[in-house]
Every structure is written in C-alpha cells, then in structure tokens.
C-alpha cells in the first residue's frame, strides 16, 4: 500500500492476532502539516463579533445565489 502513500497494516507488537495501522513517512509529514495549520491562529479572530456575523451573512448570501 505504500506506493499510494496509504497507511500500512503491521503486526501489533504484543498481540499476534491483531494488526495496527501506521502512517507512511509521507502520511506523518502530512499529519504534522495539518496539526500545524490547525494550531495556527485564524485571521478571522481579528474581526469583531459583529464583523464576523456580517461576513457569515455575506457568505451565506453568495452561496444562495450559486444555487
């Protein structure tokens, strides 16, 4: 499965009956990037609650015109 960078199945270290799913090196790098991005402060936090609501309203209005 590593050719497609999918998680690999490996024997469990203490239970011969079980398999464990492990990330490939590419998967580990992608996970680290995702965790870093999730921990980053959103640029939207600089907006006031009123500004955030106005932005939500505008995005909803835009989405409705796309239907």
Protein backbone atom coordinates (compact mmCIF):
# COMPACT_ATOMS: atom_id res chain seq x y z
CA UNK A 1 0.00 0.00 0.00
CA UNK A 2 2.92 2.38 0.37
CA UNK A 3 3.04 3.04 -3.36
CA UNK A 4 -0.06 5.19 -2.94
CA UNK A 5 1.04 6.63 0.42
CA UNK A 6 -1.81 4.87 2.17
CA UNK A 7 -1.49 3.78 5.80
CA UNK A 8 0.18 0.41 6.26
CA UNK A 9 -1.00 -2.58 8.25
CA UNK A 10 1.65 -4.05 10.53
CA UNK A 11 1.57 -6.74 13.17
CA UNK A 12 0.74 -5.48 16.64
CA UNK A 13 3.88 -5.59 18.80
CA UNK A 14 2.27 -7.53 21.68
CA UNK A 15 -0.85 -9.17 20.21
CA UNK A 16 -0.15 -11.65 17.40
CA UNK A 17 -3.84 -11.72 16.46
CA UNK A 18 -4.09 -8.00 15.83
CA UNK A 19 -2.85 -5.64 13.17
CA UNK A 20 -2.15 -1.97 13.67
CA UNK A 21 -2.45 0.81 11.14
CA UNK A 22 0.62 3.02 10.81
CA UNK A 23 1.30 6.09 8.71
CA UNK A 24 3.89 6.12 5.96
CA UNK A 25 6.59 8.80 6.16
CA UNK A 26 4.52 10.91 3.73
CA UNK A 27 1.47 10.44 5.95
CA UNK A 28 3.44 11.52 9.01
CA UNK A 29 4.58 14.69 7.22
CA UNK A 30 1.02 15.45 6.12
CA UNK A 31 -0.29 14.90 9.64
CA UNK A 32 2.36 17.27 11.03
CA UNK A 33 1.39 19.92 8.47
CA UNK A 34 -2.31 19.52 9.30
CA UNK A 35 -1.67 19.80 13.04
CA UNK A 36 0.43 22.91 12.46
CA UNK A 37 -2.30 24.51 10.34
CA UNK A 38 -5.00 23.65 12.88
CA UNK A 39 -2.95 25.28 15.62
CA UNK A 40 -2.40 28.48 13.68
CA UNK A 41 -4.42 31.48 14.71
CA UNK A 42 -7.18 32.30 12.29
CA UNK A 43 -7.04 35.69 10.60
CA UNK A 44 -10.75 35.96 11.38
CA UNK A 45 -10.03 36.34 15.10
CA UNK A 46 -9.04 39.96 14.44
CA UNK A 47 -12.65 40.68 13.41
CA UNK A 48 -15.19 41.76 15.98
CA UNK A 49 -18.21 39.55 16.60
CA UNK A 50 -20.32 41.96 14.54
CA UNK A 51 -17.86 41.83 11.65
CA UNK A 52 -17.74 38.02 11.81
CA UNK A 53 -21.53 37.88 11.66
CA UNK A 54 -21.57 40.27 8.70
CA UNK A 55 -19.04 38.08 6.91
CA UNK A 56 -21.15 34.96 7.59
CA UNK A 57 -24.23 36.73 6.25
CA UNK A 58 -22.40 37.80 3.09
CA UNK A 59 -21.02 34.29 2.50
CA UNK A 60 -24.47 32.77 3.01
CA UNK A 61 -25.96 35.26 0.55
CA UNK A 62 -23.26 34.44 -2.00
CA UNK A 63 -23.84 30.72 -1.56
CA UNK A 64 -27.58 31.12 -2.10
CA UNK A 65 -27.03 32.92 -5.42
CA UNK A 66 -24.93 29.96 -6.62
CA UNK A 67 -27.90 27.55 -6.34
